[in-house]
Amino acid sequence: MNEALEDQAIRAVACPKGQAIGRENDVRIFEVQHIKGLEFEAIFFVDIDELACQEPELFERYISVGAIRTATFLGLTCSGKALPGSMEPVSQLFHDSW
């Protein structure tokens, strides 16, 4: 990710265990369980189908927390062909590519 952002003088920074300190123009990367109480301009979930398989009891909660904590943009990707079943009611809002 840093290579893609380098031309814009932006860097990606991992925020282990919710560490929120960073420079204003950093892209900070959090695990969803550490974003309680924070607000973000944009939130991305990568491979939500895999997240649903790995965390079936928490999947819907994670998506809900992400949707509530984003100010402008919520991005979701799916590595397979099918969305998790609980996402079916909003499937018409998704696109096949960017």
PDB file of N, CA and C in Angstrom:
ATOM      1  N   MET A   1       0.819  -1.182   0.000  1.00  0.00           N
ATOM      2  CA  MET A   1       0.000   0.000   0.000  1.00  0.00           C
ATOM      3  C   MET A   1       0.871   1.256   0.000  1.00  0.00           C
ATOM      4  N   ASN A   2       1.976   1.206   0.708  1.00  0.00           N
ATOM      5  CA  ASN A   2       2.853   2.378   0.752  1.00  0.00           C
ATOM      6  C   ASN A   2       3.382   2.749  -0.627  1.00  0.00           C
ATOM      7  N   GLU A   3       3.673   1.752  -1.455  1.00  0.00           N
ATOM      8  CA  GLU A   3       4.146   2.040  -2.813  1.00  0.00           C
ATOM      9  C   GLU A   3       3.087   2.788  -3.609  1.00  0.00           C
ATOM     10  N   ALA A   4       1.828   2.400  -3.474  1.00  0.00           N
ATOM     11  CA  ALA A   4       0.742   3.049  -4.207  1.00  0.00           C
ATOM     12  C   ALA A   4       0.506   4.481  -3.729  1.00  0.00           C
ATOM     13  N   LEU A   5       0.793   4.756  -2.475  1.00  0.00           N
ATOM     14  CA  LEU A   5       0.537   6.084  -1.898  1.00  0.00           C
ATOM     15  C   LEU A   5       1.751   7.010  -1.933  1.00  0.00           C
ATOM     16  N   GLU A   6       2.898   6.470  -2.286  1.00  0.00           N
ATOM     17  CA  GLU A   6       4.149   7.211  -2.216  1.00  0.00           C
ATOM     18  C   GLU A   6       4.122   8.525  -3.001  1.00  0.00           C
ATOM     19  N   ASP A   7       3.560   8.544  -4.206  1.00  0.00           N
ATOM     20  CA  ASP A   7       3.527   9.748  -5.033  1.00  0.00           C
ATOM     21  C   ASP A   7       2.714  10.878  -4.398  1.00  0.00           C
ATOM     22  N   GLN A   8       1.807  10.543  -3.493  1.00  0.00           N
ATOM     23  CA  GLN A   8       0.988  11.545  -2.816  1.00  0.00           C
ATOM     24  C   GLN A   8       1.559  11.917  -1.442  1.00  0.00           C
ATOM     25  N   ALA A   9       2.744  11.429  -1.122  1.00  0.00           N
ATOM     26  CA  ALA A   9       3.403  11.679   0.172  1.00  0.00           C
ATOM     27  C   ALA A   9       2.519  11.239   1.338  1.00  0.00           C
ATOM     28  N   ILE A  10       1.855  10.116   1.152  1.00  0.00           N
ATOM     29  CA  ILE A  10       1.014   9.530   2.193  1.00  0.00           C
ATOM     30  C   ILE A  10       1.590   8.158   2.505  1.00  0.00           C
ATOM     31  N   ARG A  11       1.541   7.782   3.769  1.00  0.00           N
ATOM     32  CA  ARG A  11       2.020   6.447   4.120  1.00  0.00           C
ATOM     33  C   ARG A  11       0.947   5.692   4.891  1.00  0.00           C
ATOM     34  N   ALA A  12       0.954   4.386   4.756  1.00  0.00           N
ATOM     35  CA  ALA A  12       0.044   3.512   5.500  1.00  0.00           C
ATOM     36  C   ALA A  12       0.746   3.083   6.786  1.00  0.00           C
ATOM     37  N   VAL A  13       0.009   3.156   7.888  1.00  0.00           N
ATOM     38  CA  VAL A  13       0.576   2.835   9.188  1.00  0.00           C
ATOM     39  C   VAL A  13      -0.339   1.855   9.902  1.00  0.00           C
ATOM     40  N   ALA A  14       0.216   0.726  10.305  1.00  0.00           N
ATOM     41  CA  ALA A  14      -0.555  -0.232  11.097  1.00  0.00           C
ATOM     42  C   ALA A  14      -0.762   0.331  12.491  1.00  0.00           C
ATOM     43  N   CYS A  15      -1.951   0.127  13.038  1.00  0.00           N
ATOM     44  CA  CYS A  15      -2.291   0.606  14.381  1.00  0.00           C
ATOM     45  C   CYS A  15      -2.649  -0.592  15.259  1.00  0.00           C
ATOM     46  N   PRO A  16      -1.631  -1.322  15.707  1.00  0.00           N
ATOM     47  CA  PRO A  16      -1.900  -2.510  16.509  1.00  0.00           C
ATOM     48  C   PRO A  16      -2.621  -2.167  17.805  1.00  0.00           C
ATOM     49  N   LYS A  17      -3.607  -2.984  18.129  1.00  0.00           N
ATOM     50  CA  LYS A  17      -4.394  -2.835  19.355  1.00  0.00           C
ATOM     51  C   LYS A  17      -5.034  -1.460  19.487  1.00  0.00           C
ATOM     52  N   GLY A  18      -5.338  -0.828  18.346  1.00  0.00           N
ATOM     53  CA  GLY A  18      -6.066   0.435  18.361  1.00  0.00           C
ATOM     54  C   GLY A  18      -5.240   1.673  18.591  1.00  0.00           C
ATOM     55  N   GLN A  19      -3.930   1.569  18.544  1.00  0.00           N
ATOM     56  CA  GLN A  19      -3.071   2.731  18.717  1.00  0.00           C
ATOM     57  C   GLN A  19      -3.456   3.771  17.672  1.00  0.00           C
ATOM     58  N   ALA A  20      -3.965   4.919  18.085  1.00  0.00           N
ATOM     59  CA  ALA A  20      -4.514   5.905  17.155  1.00  0.00           C
ATOM     60  C   ALA A  20      -3.560   7.037  16.826  1.00  0.00           C
ATOM     61  N   ILE A  21      -2.415   7.078  17.457  1.00  0.00           N
ATOM     62  CA  ILE A  21      -1.483   8.178  17.231  1.00  0.00           C
ATOM     63  C   ILE A  21      -0.837   8.027  15.859  1.00  0.00           C
ATOM     64  N   GLY A  22      -0.804   9.131  15.143  1.00  0.00           N
ATOM     65  CA  GLY A  22      -0.179   9.124  13.833  1.00  0.00           C
ATOM     66  C   GLY A  22      -0.243  10.516  13.232  1.00  0.00           C
ATOM     67  N   ARG A  23       0.423  10.694  12.127  1.00  0.00           N
ATOM     68  CA  ARG A  23       0.374  11.985  11.450  1.00  0.00           C
ATOM     69  C   ARG A  23      -0.969  12.148  10.757  1.00  0.00           C
ATOM     70  N   GLU A  24      -1.386  13.364  10.594  1.00  0.00           N
ATOM     71  CA  GLU A  24      -2.707  13.661  10.024  1.00  0.00           C
ATOM     72  C   GLU A  24      -2.902  13.071   8.636  1.00  0.00           C
ATOM     73  N   ASN A  25      -1.868  13.062   7.809  1.00  0.00           N
ATOM     74  CA  ASN A  25      -2.027  12.566   6.450  1.00  0.00           C
ATOM     75  C   ASN A  25      -1.689  11.085   6.301  1.00  0.00           C
ATOM     76  N   ASP A  26      -1.456  10.387   7.413  1.00  0.00           N
ATOM     77  CA  ASP A  26      -1.246   8.942   7.357  1.00  0.00           C
ATOM     78  C   ASP A  26      -2.565   8.229   7.090  1.00  0.00           C
ATOM     79  N   VAL A  27      -2.483   7.126   6.376  1.00  0.00           N
ATOM     80  CA  VAL A  27      -3.605   6.199   6.279  1.00  0.00           C
ATOM     81  C   VAL A  27      -3.378   5.196   7.397  1.00  0.00           C
ATOM     82  N   ARG A  28      -4.233   5.249   8.404  1.00  0.00           N
ATOM     83  CA  ARG A  28      -4.057   4.367   9.560  1.00  0.00           C
ATOM     84  C   ARG A  28      -4.943   3.140   9.399  1.00  0.00           C
ATOM     85  N   ILE A  29      -4.376   1.982   9.660  1.00  0.00           N
ATOM     86  CA  ILE A  29      -5.066   0.716   9.454  1.00  0.00           C
ATOM     87  C   ILE A  29      -5.320   0.059  10.807  1.00  0.00           C
ATOM     88  N   PHE A  30      -6.604  -0.153  11.106  1.00  0.00           N
ATOM     89  CA  PHE A  30      -7.034  -0.724  12.376  1.00  0.00           C
ATOM     90  C   PHE A  30      -7.754  -2.044  12.145  1.00  0.00           C
ATOM     91  N   GLU A  31      -7.698  -2.919  13.117  1.00  0.00           N
ATOM     92  CA  GLU A  31      -8.604  -4.060  13.142  1.00  0.00           C
ATOM     93  C   GLU A  31      -9.928  -3.534  13.674  1.00  0.00           C
ATOM     94  N   VAL A  32     -11.032  -4.037  13.158  1.00  0.00           N
ATOM     95  CA  VAL A  32     -12.338  -3.483  13.473  1.00  0.00           C
ATOM     96  C   VAL A  32     -12.650  -3.522  14.966  1.00  0.00           C
ATOM     97  N   GLN A  33     -12.145  -4.490  15.687  1.00  0.00           N
ATOM     98  CA  GLN A  33     -12.467  -4.571  17.109  1.00  0.00           C
ATOM     99  C   GLN A  33     -11.834  -3.446  17.920  1.00  0.00           C
ATOM    100  N   HIS A  34     -10.968  -2.632  17.291  1.00  0.00           N
ATOM    101  CA  HIS A  34     -10.297  -1.553  18.005  1.00  0.00           C
ATOM    102  C   HIS A  34     -10.790  -0.162  17.602  1.00  0.00           C
ATOM    103  N   ILE A  35     -11.906  -0.041  16.903  1.00  0.00           N
ATOM    104  CA  ILE A  35     -12.324   1.284  16.434  1.00  0.00           C
ATOM    105  C   ILE A  35     -13.480   1.878  17.231  1.00  0.00           C
ATOM    106  N   LYS A  36     -13.871   1.235  18.308  1.00  0.00           N
ATOM    107  CA  LYS A  36     -14.976   1.749  19.118  1.00  0.00           C
ATOM    108  C   LYS A  36     -14.656   3.169  19.591  1.00  0.00           C
ATOM    109  N   GLY A  37     -15.606   4.075  19.394  1.00  0.00           N
ATOM    110  CA  GLY A  37     -15.449   5.445  19.834  1.00  0.00           C
ATOM    111  C   GLY A  37     -14.716   6.346  18.860  1.00  0.00           C
ATOM    112  N   LEU A  38     -14.224   5.805  17.762  1.00  0.00           N
ATOM    113  CA  LEU A  38     -13.498   6.608  16.774  1.00  0.00           C
ATOM    114  C   LEU A  38     -14.371   6.842  15.552  1.00  0.00           C
ATOM    115  N   GLU A  39     -14.072   7.890  14.791  1.00  0.00           N
ATOM    116  CA  GLU A  39     -14.757   8.139  13.528  1.00  0.00           C
ATOM    117  C   GLU A  39     -13.693   8.255  12.443  1.00  0.00           C
ATOM    118  N   PHE A  40     -14.022   7.750  11.253  1.00  0.00           N
ATOM    119  CA  PHE A  40     -13.078   7.726  10.145  1.00  0.00           C
ATOM    120  C   PHE A  40     -13.726   8.311   8.909  1.00  0.00           C
ATOM    121  N   GLU A  41     -12.933   8.959   8.092  1.00  0.00           N
ATOM    122  CA  GLU A  41     -13.419   9.480   6.821  1.00  0.00           C
ATOM    123  C   GLU A  41     -13.889   8.338   5.928  1.00  0.00           C
ATOM    124  N   ALA A  42     -13.117   7.259   5.906  1.00  0.00           N
ATOM    125  CA  ALA A  42     -13.457   6.092   5.082  1.00  0.00           C
ATOM    126  C   ALA A  42     -13.077   4.821   5.836  1.00  0.00           C
ATOM    127  N   ILE A  43     -13.872   3.789   5.618  1.00  0.00           N
ATOM    128  CA  ILE A  43     -13.591   2.477   6.196  1.00  0.00           C
ATOM    129  C   ILE A  43     -13.705   1.457   5.080  1.00  0.00           C
ATOM    130  N   PHE A  44     -12.750   0.547   5.029  1.00  0.00           N
ATOM    131  CA  PHE A  44     -12.745  -0.523   4.051  1.00  0.00           C
ATOM    132  C   PHE A  44     -12.697  -1.863   4.758  1.00  0.00           C
ATOM    133  N   PHE A  45     -13.510  -2.779   4.317  1.00  0.00           N
ATOM    134  CA  PHE A  45     -13.436  -4.172   4.738  1.00  0.00           C
ATOM    135  C   PHE A  45     -12.991  -4.959   3.510  1.00  0.00           C
ATOM    136  N   VAL A  46     -11.895  -5.669   3.626  1.00  0.00           N
ATOM    137  CA  VAL A  46     -11.357  -6.444   2.519  1.00  0.00           C
ATOM    138  C   VAL A  46     -11.746  -7.905   2.715  1.00  0.00           C
ATOM    139  N   ASP A  47     -12.297  -8.502   1.655  1.00  0.00           N
ATOM    140  CA  ASP A  47     -12.689  -9.916   1.659  1.00  0.00           C
ATOM    141  C   ASP A  47     -13.721 -10.231   2.748  1.00  0.00           C
ATOM    142  N   ILE A  48     -14.873  -9.570   2.667  1.00  0.00           N
ATOM    143  CA  ILE A  48     -15.902  -9.781   3.694  1.00  0.00           C
ATOM    144  C   ILE A  48     -16.417 -11.213   3.728  1.00  0.00           C
ATOM    145  N   ASP A  49     -16.327 -11.915   2.605  1.00  0.00           N
ATOM    146  CA  ASP A  49     -16.739 -13.317   2.611  1.00  0.00           C
ATOM    147  C   ASP A  49     -15.815 -14.150   3.505  1.00  0.00           C
ATOM    148  N   GLU A  50     -14.524 -13.845   3.479  1.00  0.00           N
ATOM    149  CA  GLU A  50     -13.586 -14.545   4.355  1.00  0.00           C
ATOM    150  C   GLU A  50     -13.793 -14.146   5.812  1.00  0.00           C
ATOM    151  N   LEU A  51     -14.073 -12.873   6.046  1.00  0.00           N
ATOM    152  CA  LEU A  51     -14.364 -12.409   7.408  1.00  0.00           C
ATOM    153  C   LEU A  51     -15.589 -13.127   7.962  1.00  0.00           C
ATOM    154  N   ALA A  52     -16.608 -13.289   7.139  1.00  0.00           N
ATOM    155  CA  ALA A  52     -17.831 -13.982   7.578  1.00  0.00           C
ATOM    156  C   ALA A  52     -17.543 -15.434   7.950  1.00  0.00           C
ATOM    157  N   CYS A  53     -16.625 -16.085   7.230  1.00  0.00           N
ATOM    158  CA  CYS A  53     -16.253 -17.469   7.552  1.00  0.00           C
ATOM    159  C   CYS A  53     -15.384 -17.547   8.805  1.00  0.00           C
ATOM    160  N   GLN A  54     -14.472 -16.595   8.955  1.00  0.00           N
ATOM    161  CA  GLN A  54     -13.550 -16.617  10.086  1.00  0.00           C
ATOM    162  C   GLN A  54     -14.205 -16.168  11.390  1.00  0.00           C
ATOM    163  N   GLU A  55     -15.148 -15.250  11.304  1.00  0.00           N
ATOM    164  CA  GLU A  55     -15.789 -14.674  12.491  1.00  0.00           C
ATOM    165  C   GLU A  55     -17.313 -14.684  12.344  1.00  0.00           C
ATOM    166  N   PRO A  56     -17.930 -15.849  12.165  1.00  0.00           N
ATOM    167  CA  PRO A  56     -19.367 -15.875  11.884  1.00  0.00           C
ATOM    168  C   PRO A  56     -20.236 -15.254  12.980  1.00  0.00           C
ATOM    169  N   GLU A  57     -19.820 -15.377  14.243  1.00  0.00           N
ATOM    170  CA  GLU A  57     -20.623 -14.822  15.328  1.00  0.00           C
ATOM    171  C   GLU A  57     -20.509 -13.301  15.404  1.00  0.00           C
ATOM    172  N   LEU A  58     -19.395 -12.751  14.917  1.00  0.00           N
ATOM    173  CA  LEU A  58     -19.147 -11.315  15.026  1.00  0.00           C
ATOM    174  C   LEU A  58     -19.271 -10.560  13.709  1.00  0.00           C
ATOM    175  N   PHE A  59     -19.432 -11.261  12.611  1.00  0.00           N
ATOM    176  CA  PHE A  59     -19.410 -10.642  11.292  1.00  0.00           C
ATOM    177  C   PHE A  59     -20.379  -9.464  11.173  1.00  0.00           C
ATOM    178  N   GLU A  60     -21.637  -9.688  11.475  1.00  0.00           N
ATOM    179  CA  GLU A  60     -22.626  -8.615  11.324  1.00  0.00           C
ATOM    180  C   GLU A  60     -22.330  -7.442  12.252  1.00  0.00           C
ATOM    181  N   ARG A  61     -21.839  -7.735  13.420  1.00  0.00           N
ATOM    182  CA  ARG A  61     -21.484  -6.669  14.357  1.00  0.00           C
ATOM    183  C   ARG A  61     -20.330  -5.841  13.805  1.00  0.00           C
ATOM    184  N   TYR A  62     -19.312  -6.500  13.247  1.00  0.00           N
ATOM    185  CA  TYR A  62     -18.184  -5.781  12.662  1.00  0.00           C
ATOM    186  C   TYR A  62     -18.652  -4.849  11.538  1.00  0.00           C
ATOM    187  N   ILE A  63     -19.488  -5.357  10.664  1.00  0.00           N
ATOM    188  CA  ILE A  63     -19.980  -4.538   9.546  1.00  0.00           C
ATOM    189  C   ILE A  63     -20.794  -3.359  10.082  1.00  0.00           C
ATOM    190  N   SER A  64     -21.613  -3.605  11.072  1.00  0.00           N
ATOM    191  CA  SER A  64     -22.415  -2.537  11.680  1.00  0.00           C
ATOM    192  C   SER A  64     -21.523  -1.466  12.300  1.00  0.00           C
ATOM    193  N   VAL A  65     -20.537  -1.879  13.069  1.00  0.00           N
ATOM    194  CA  VAL A  65     -19.618  -0.922  13.694  1.00  0.00           C
ATOM    195  C   VAL A  65     -18.899  -0.117  12.616  1.00  0.00           C
ATOM    196  N   GLY A  66     -18.444  -0.764  11.566  1.00  0.00           N
ATOM    197  CA  GLY A  66     -17.774  -0.058  10.482  1.00  0.00           C
ATOM    198  C   GLY A  66     -18.684   0.957   9.814  1.00  0.00           C
ATOM    199  N   ALA A  67     -19.922   0.584   9.575  1.00  0.00           N
ATOM    200  CA  ALA A  67     -20.873   1.497   8.924  1.00  0.00           C
ATOM    201  C   ALA A  67     -21.181   2.702   9.806  1.00  0.00           C
ATOM    202  N   ILE A  68     -21.261   2.479  11.092  1.00  0.00           N
ATOM    203  CA  ILE A  68     -21.566   3.571  12.030  1.00  0.00           C
ATOM    204  C   ILE A  68     -20.378   4.513  12.193  1.00  0.00           C
ATOM    205  N   ARG A  69     -19.171   3.998  12.097  1.00  0.00           N
ATOM    206  CA  ARG A  69     -17.959   4.782  12.373  1.00  0.00           C
ATOM    207  C   ARG A  69     -17.411   5.524  11.156  1.00  0.00           C
ATOM    208  N   THR A  70     -17.989   5.332   9.989  1.00  0.00           N
ATOM    209  CA  THR A  70     -17.486   6.015   8.798  1.00  0.00           C
ATOM    210  C   THR A  70     -18.251   7.314   8.562  1.00  0.00           C
ATOM    211  N   ALA A  71     -17.510   8.361   8.215  1.00  0.00           N
ATOM    212  CA  ALA A  71     -18.123   9.664   7.967  1.00  0.00           C
ATOM    213  C   ALA A  71     -18.563   9.826   6.520  1.00  0.00           C
ATOM    214  N   THR A  72     -17.803   9.261   5.580  1.00  0.00           N
ATOM    215  CA  THR A  72     -18.063   9.521   4.167  1.00  0.00           C
ATOM    216  C   THR A  72     -18.208   8.272   3.325  1.00  0.00           C
ATOM    217  N   PHE A  73     -17.327   7.300   3.490  1.00  0.00           N
ATOM    218  CA  PHE A  73     -17.259   6.184   2.544  1.00  0.00           C
ATOM    219  C   PHE A  73     -17.054   4.866   3.262  1.00  0.00           C
ATOM    220  N   LEU A  74     -17.861   3.884   2.904  1.00  0.00           N
ATOM    221  CA  LEU A  74     -17.702   2.515   3.388  1.00  0.00           C
ATOM    222  C   LEU A  74     -17.442   1.636   2.182  1.00  0.00           C
ATOM    223  N   GLY A  75     -16.265   1.034   2.128  1.00  0.00           N
ATOM    224  CA  GLY A  75     -15.903   0.157   1.020  1.00  0.00           C
ATOM    225  C   GLY A  75     -15.809  -1.281   1.484  1.00  0.00           C
ATOM    226  N   LEU A  76     -16.343  -2.188   0.677  1.00  0.00           N
ATOM    227  CA  LEU A  76     -16.318  -3.611   0.997  1.00  0.00           C
ATOM    228  C   LEU A  76     -15.856  -4.372  -0.236  1.00  0.00           C
ATOM    229  N   THR A  77     -14.970  -5.342  -0.032  1.00  0.00           N
ATOM    230  CA  THR A  77     -14.589  -6.217  -1.126  1.00  0.00           C
ATOM    231  C   THR A  77     -14.932  -7.647  -0.748  1.00  0.00           C
ATOM    232  N   CYS A  78     -15.090  -8.456  -1.769  1.00  0.00           N
ATOM    233  CA  CYS A  78     -15.431  -9.866  -1.587  1.00  0.00           C
ATOM    234  C   CYS A  78     -14.491 -10.657  -2.491  1.00  0.00           C
ATOM    235  N   SER A  79     -13.794 -11.640  -1.940  1.00  0.00           N
ATOM    236  CA  SER A  79     -12.829 -12.377  -2.750  1.00  0.00           C
ATOM    237  C   SER A  79     -13.485 -13.465  -3.587  1.00  0.00           C
ATOM    238  N   GLY A  80     -14.651 -13.924  -3.188  1.00  0.00           N
ATOM    239  CA  GLY A  80     -15.366 -14.954  -3.932  1.00  0.00           C
ATOM    240  C   GLY A  80     -16.450 -14.359  -4.799  1.00  0.00           C
ATOM    241  N   LYS A  81     -17.273 -15.201  -5.338  1.00  0.00           N
ATOM    242  CA  LYS A  81     -18.355 -14.743  -6.212  1.00  0.00           C
ATOM    243  C   LYS A  81     -19.621 -14.398  -5.430  1.00  0.00           C
ATOM    244  N   ALA A  82     -19.752 -14.916  -4.220  1.00  0.00           N
ATOM    245  CA  ALA A  82     -20.989 -14.733  -3.463  1.00  0.00           C
ATOM    246  C   ALA A  82     -20.755 -13.914  -2.198  1.00  0.00           C
ATOM    247  N   LEU A  83     -21.650 -12.978  -1.959  1.00  0.00           N
ATOM    248  CA  LEU A  83     -21.631 -12.229  -0.712  1.00  0.00           C
ATOM    249  C   LEU A  83     -22.097 -13.124   0.424  1.00  0.00           C
ATOM    250  N   PRO A  84     -21.685 -12.830   1.650  1.00  0.00           N
ATOM    251  CA  PRO A  84     -22.246 -13.557   2.778  1.00  0.00           C
ATOM    252  C   PRO A  84     -23.770 -13.396   2.787  1.00  0.00           C
ATOM    253  N   GLY A  85     -24.485 -14.427   3.181  1.00  0.00           N
ATOM    254  CA  GLY A  85     -25.946 -14.424   3.143  1.00  0.00           C
ATOM    255  C   GLY A  85     -26.592 -13.238   3.828  1.00  0.00           C
ATOM    256  N   SER A  86     -26.039 -12.795   4.936  1.00  0.00           N
ATOM    257  CA  SER A  86     -26.638 -11.661   5.652  1.00  0.00           C
ATOM    258  C   SER A  86     -26.500 -10.349   4.888  1.00  0.00           C
ATOM    259  N   MET A  87     -25.662 -10.309   3.849  1.00  0.00           N
ATOM    260  CA  MET A  87     -25.490  -9.103   3.033  1.00  0.00           C
ATOM    261  C   MET A  87     -26.455  -9.067   1.847  1.00  0.00           C
ATOM    262  N   GLU A  88     -27.203 -10.124   1.625  1.00  0.00           N
ATOM    263  CA  GLU A  88     -28.111 -10.216   0.488  1.00  0.00           C
ATOM    264  C   GLU A  88     -29.102  -9.045   0.399  1.00  0.00           C
ATOM    265  N   PRO A  89     -29.696  -8.569   1.512  1.00  0.00           N
ATOM    266  CA  PRO A  89     -30.646  -7.459   1.397  1.00  0.00           C
ATOM    267  C   PRO A  89     -30.059  -6.174   0.813  1.00  0.00           C
ATOM    268  N   VAL A  90     -28.752  -6.000   0.872  1.00  0.00           N
ATOM    269  CA  VAL A  90     -28.124  -4.802   0.311  1.00  0.00           C
ATOM    270  C   VAL A  90     -27.278  -5.106  -0.925  1.00  0.00           C
ATOM    271  N   SER A  91     -27.416  -6.294  -1.474  1.00  0.00           N
ATOM    272  CA  SER A  91     -26.571  -6.714  -2.596  1.00  0.00           C
ATOM    273  C   SER A  91     -26.722  -5.817  -3.823  1.00  0.00           C
ATOM    274  N   GLN A  92     -27.881  -5.190  -4.011  1.00  0.00           N
ATOM    275  CA  GLN A  92     -28.077  -4.313  -5.175  1.00  0.00           C
ATOM    276  C   GLN A  92     -27.226  -3.042  -5.082  1.00  0.00           C
ATOM    277  N   LEU A  93     -26.655  -2.755  -3.926  1.00  0.00           N
ATOM    278  CA  LEU A  93     -25.811  -1.573  -3.747  1.00  0.00           C
ATOM    279  C   LEU A  93     -24.360  -1.840  -4.152  1.00  0.00           C
ATOM    280  N   PHE A  94     -24.027  -3.103  -4.433  1.00  0.00           N
ATOM    281  CA  PHE A  94     -22.657  -3.467  -4.762  1.00  0.00           C
ATOM    282  C   PHE A  94     -22.431  -3.455  -6.265  1.00  0.00           C
ATOM    283  N   HIS A  95     -21.176  -3.269  -6.659  1.00  0.00           N
ATOM    284  CA  HIS A  95     -20.771  -3.285  -8.065  1.00  0.00           C
ATOM    285  C   HIS A  95     -19.743  -4.389  -8.260  1.00  0.00           C
ATOM    286  N   ASP A  96     -19.634  -4.869  -9.484  1.00  0.00           N
ATOM    287  CA  ASP A  96     -18.698  -5.949  -9.778  1.00  0.00           C
ATOM    288  C   ASP A  96     -17.241  -5.478  -9.766  1.00  0.00           C
ATOM    289  N   SER A  97     -17.001  -4.194  -9.995  1.00  0.00           N
ATOM    290  CA  SER A  97     -15.644  -3.664  -9.981  1.00  0.00           C
ATOM    291  C   SER A  97     -15.700  -2.194  -9.649  1.00  0.00           C
ATOM    292  N   TRP A  98     -14.520  -1.625  -9.397  1.00  0.00           N
ATOM    293  CA  TRP A  98     -14.455  -0.213  -9.021  1.00  0.00           C
ATOM    294  C   TRP A  98     -14.759   0.641 -10.200  1.00  0.00           C
TER     295      TRP A  98
END
